[in-house]
Amino acid sequence: MNLAEQQDVFSLLTDARLRDMYSAAREGEPMMSAAPDELSPLVAKRMLASAYADVTDPSHCLTEAVGGLKRMRGRARLHALQRQASEAKRIGDSERERELVLEILNLRKQVD
């Protein structure tokens, strides 16, 4: 199992085009084969080449990227929980509100 699979990168990709490109690379195909059709091959090639041309430590780069994606996912989850807690408070469901507040507090420890 490679580093990307250990860190469950695929589950963090929310854009279908990125998932396609990642899957192509994982299957040994060039990422260009899954580049979006609306992107000219020349532009796609330049984007992919320039993004990784100077990377000297890909493991560190991947770890940083995965950390950022996890923080983004955590913040999105936190926002959703806050909306749910507000709604529970609005309708007077204090038990549900309490559960959500506890979940929010636990998640904040992980996200911050």
C-alpha atoms as a PDB file:
ATOM      1  CA  MET A   1       0.000   0.000   0.000  1.00  0.00           C
ATOM      2  CA  ASN A   2       1.459   3.358  -1.003  1.00  0.00           C
ATOM      3  CA  LEU A   3       1.450   6.564   1.046  1.00  0.00           C
ATOM      4  CA  ALA A   4      -1.546   8.033  -0.793  1.00  0.00           C
ATOM      5  CA  GLU A   5      -3.611   4.929  -0.074  1.00  0.00           C
ATOM      6  CA  GLN A   6      -2.467   4.853   3.557  1.00  0.00           C
ATOM      7  CA  GLN A   7      -3.691   8.411   3.943  1.00  0.00           C
ATOM      8  CA  ASP A   8      -6.964   7.632   2.110  1.00  0.00           C
ATOM      9  CA  VAL A   9      -6.453  10.448  -0.375  1.00  0.00           C
ATOM     10  CA  PHE A  10      -9.243   9.279  -2.698  1.00  0.00           C
ATOM     11  CA  SER A  11     -11.910   9.828  -0.018  1.00  0.00           C
ATOM     12  CA  LEU A  12     -10.716  13.426   0.418  1.00  0.00           C
ATOM     13  CA  LEU A  13     -11.122  14.357  -3.247  1.00  0.00           C
ATOM     14  CA  THR A  14     -14.507  15.981  -3.708  1.00  0.00           C
ATOM     15  CA  ASP A  15     -14.148  16.942  -7.361  1.00  0.00           C
ATOM     16  CA  ALA A  16     -14.999  14.143  -9.808  1.00  0.00           C
ATOM     17  CA  ARG A  17     -12.324  15.334 -12.238  1.00  0.00           C
ATOM     18  CA  LEU A  18      -9.640  15.039  -9.563  1.00  0.00           C
ATOM     19  CA  ARG A  19     -10.936  11.604  -8.605  1.00  0.00           C
ATOM     20  CA  ASP A  20     -10.677  10.530 -12.254  1.00  0.00           C
ATOM     21  CA  MET A  21      -7.132  11.840 -12.544  1.00  0.00           C
ATOM     22  CA  TYR A  22      -6.105  10.203  -9.276  1.00  0.00           C
ATOM     23  CA  SER A  23      -7.673   6.892 -10.348  1.00  0.00           C
ATOM     24  CA  ALA A  24      -5.870   7.043 -13.695  1.00  0.00           C
ATOM     25  CA  ALA A  25      -2.543   7.631 -11.970  1.00  0.00           C
ATOM     26  CA  ARG A  26      -3.248   4.820  -9.506  1.00  0.00           C
ATOM     27  CA  GLU A  27      -3.928   2.456 -12.405  1.00  0.00           C
ATOM     28  CA  GLY A  28      -0.621   3.421 -14.009  1.00  0.00           C
ATOM     29  CA  GLU A  29      -2.186   5.590 -16.715  1.00  0.00           C
ATOM     30  CA  PRO A  30      -0.912   9.081 -17.389  1.00  0.00           C
ATOM     31  CA  MET A  31      -2.905  11.709 -15.506  1.00  0.00           C
ATOM     32  CA  MET A  32      -3.312  13.449 -18.850  1.00  0.00           C
ATOM     33  CA  SER A  33      -5.607  10.646 -19.964  1.00  0.00           C
ATOM     34  CA  ALA A  34      -8.165  11.794 -17.395  1.00  0.00           C
ATOM     35  CA  ALA A  35      -7.685  15.543 -17.753  1.00  0.00           C
ATOM     36  CA  PRO A  36     -10.993  17.348 -18.307  1.00  0.00           C
ATOM     37  CA  ASP A  37     -12.023  17.562 -21.975  1.00  0.00           C
ATOM     38  CA  GLU A  38     -12.537  21.315 -21.785  1.00  0.00           C
ATOM     39  CA  LEU A  39      -8.850  21.712 -20.907  1.00  0.00           C
ATOM     40  CA  SER A  40      -6.597  21.718 -23.926  1.00  0.00           C
ATOM     41  CA  PRO A  41      -3.871  19.045 -23.803  1.00  0.00           C
ATOM     42  CA  LEU A  42      -1.170  21.719 -23.925  1.00  0.00           C
ATOM     43  CA  VAL A  43      -2.621  23.614 -20.956  1.00  0.00           C
ATOM     44  CA  ALA A  44      -3.192  20.404 -18.973  1.00  0.00           C
ATOM     45  CA  LYS A  45       0.366  19.263 -19.636  1.00  0.00           C
ATOM     46  CA  ARG A  46       1.800  22.598 -18.534  1.00  0.00           C
ATOM     47  CA  MET A  47      -0.357  22.654 -15.402  1.00  0.00           C
ATOM     48  CA  LEU A  48       0.619  19.153 -14.355  1.00  0.00           C
ATOM     49  CA  ALA A  49       4.274  19.647 -15.183  1.00  0.00           C
ATOM     50  CA  SER A  50       4.603  22.971 -13.425  1.00  0.00           C
ATOM     51  CA  ALA A  51       2.751  21.837 -10.316  1.00  0.00           C
ATOM     52  CA  TYR A  52       5.215  19.049  -9.631  1.00  0.00           C
ATOM     53  CA  ALA A  53       8.335  20.029 -11.524  1.00  0.00           C
ATOM     54  CA  ASP A  54      10.269  21.289  -8.497  1.00  0.00           C
ATOM     55  CA  VAL A  55       8.975  18.914  -5.816  1.00  0.00           C
ATOM     56  CA  THR A  56      11.962  17.312  -4.115  1.00  0.00           C
ATOM     57  CA  ASP A  57      10.052  15.482  -1.367  1.00  0.00           C
ATOM     58  CA  PRO A  58       6.774  14.119  -2.763  1.00  0.00           C
ATOM     59  CA  SER A  59       5.907  12.331   0.500  1.00  0.00           C
ATOM     60  CA  HIS A  60       6.082  15.592   2.433  1.00  0.00           C
ATOM     61  CA  CYS A  61       4.092  17.371  -0.293  1.00  0.00           C
ATOM     62  CA  LEU A  62       1.421  14.664  -0.163  1.00  0.00           C
ATOM     63  CA  THR A  63       1.271  14.727   3.633  1.00  0.00           C
ATOM     64  CA  GLU A  64       0.783  18.500   3.631  1.00  0.00           C
ATOM     65  CA  ALA A  65      -1.897  18.301   0.931  1.00  0.00           C
ATOM     66  CA  VAL A  66      -3.761  15.533   2.769  1.00  0.00           C
ATOM     67  CA  GLY A  67      -3.609  17.524   5.998  1.00  0.00           C
ATOM     68  CA  GLY A  68      -5.119  20.521   4.242  1.00  0.00           C
ATOM     69  CA  LEU A  69      -7.878  18.422   2.697  1.00  0.00           C
ATOM     70  CA  LYS A  70      -8.707  16.856   6.063  1.00  0.00           C
ATOM     71  CA  ARG A  71      -8.877  20.277   7.709  1.00  0.00           C
ATOM     72  CA  MET A  72     -11.204  21.503   4.951  1.00  0.00           C
ATOM     73  CA  ARG A  73     -13.436  18.471   5.387  1.00  0.00           C
ATOM     74  CA  GLY A  74     -13.434  18.978   9.162  1.00  0.00           C
ATOM     75  CA  ARG A  75     -14.375  22.649   8.832  1.00  0.00           C
ATOM     76  CA  ALA A  76     -17.218  21.744   6.453  1.00  0.00           C
ATOM     77  CA  ARG A  77     -18.467  19.128   8.922  1.00  0.00           C
ATOM     78  CA  LEU A  78     -18.173  21.655  11.760  1.00  0.00           C
ATOM     79  CA  HIS A  79     -20.228  24.177   9.806  1.00  0.00           C
ATOM     80  CA  ALA A  80     -22.924  21.568   9.113  1.00  0.00           C
ATOM     81  CA  LEU A  81     -23.071  20.594  12.796  1.00  0.00           C
ATOM     82  CA  GLN A  82     -23.386  24.231  13.818  1.00  0.00           C
ATOM     83  CA  ARG A  83     -26.332  24.668  11.445  1.00  0.00           C
ATOM     84  CA  GLN A  84     -27.946  21.530  12.863  1.00  0.00           C
ATOM     85  CA  ALA A  85     -27.405  22.729  16.443  1.00  0.00           C
ATOM     86  CA  SER A  86     -28.982  26.088  15.601  1.00  0.00           C
ATOM     87  CA  GLU A  87     -31.961  24.319  14.081  1.00  0.00           C
ATOM     88  CA  ALA A  88     -32.312  22.035  17.115  1.00  0.00           C
ATOM     89  CA  LYS A  89     -32.264  25.091  19.371  1.00  0.00           C
ATOM     90  CA  ARG A  90     -34.798  26.872  17.168  1.00  0.00           C
ATOM     91  CA  ILE A  91     -37.283  24.009  17.402  1.00  0.00           C
ATOM     92  CA  GLY A  92     -36.635  23.464  21.108  1.00  0.00           C
ATOM     93  CA  ASP A  93     -34.932  20.042  20.861  1.00  0.00           C
ATOM     94  CA  SER A  94     -32.511  20.606  23.741  1.00  0.00           C
ATOM     95  CA  GLU A  95     -31.333  16.980  23.864  1.00  0.00           C
ATOM     96  CA  ARG A  96     -30.324  17.018  20.190  1.00  0.00           C
ATOM     97  CA  GLU A  97     -28.761  20.445  20.614  1.00  0.00           C
ATOM     98  CA  ARG A  98     -26.661  19.139  23.540  1.00  0.00           C
ATOM     99  CA  GLU A  99     -25.490  16.135  21.499  1.00  0.00           C
ATOM    100  CA  LEU A 100     -24.513  18.371  18.604  1.00  0.00           C
ATOM    101  CA  VAL A 101     -22.676  20.851  20.830  1.00  0.00           C
ATOM    102  CA  LEU A 102     -20.616  17.989  22.295  1.00  0.00           C
ATOM    103  CA  GLU A 103     -19.821  16.757  18.803  1.00  0.00           C
ATOM    104  CA  ILE A 104     -18.863  20.303  17.765  1.00  0.00           C
ATOM    105  CA  LEU A 105     -16.516  20.648  20.748  1.00  0.00           C
ATOM    106  CA  ASN A 106     -14.832  17.323  19.949  1.00  0.00           C
ATOM    107  CA  LEU A 107     -14.482  18.190  16.286  1.00  0.00           C
ATOM    108  CA  ARG A 108     -13.018  21.621  17.075  1.00  0.00           C
ATOM    109  CA  LYS A 109     -10.185  19.887  18.960  1.00  0.00           C
ATOM    110  CA  GLN A 110      -9.367  17.939  15.814  1.00  0.00           C
ATOM    111  CA  VAL A 111      -9.753  20.806  13.334  1.00  0.00           C
ATOM    112  CA  ASP A 112      -7.963  23.550  15.252  1.00  0.00           C
END
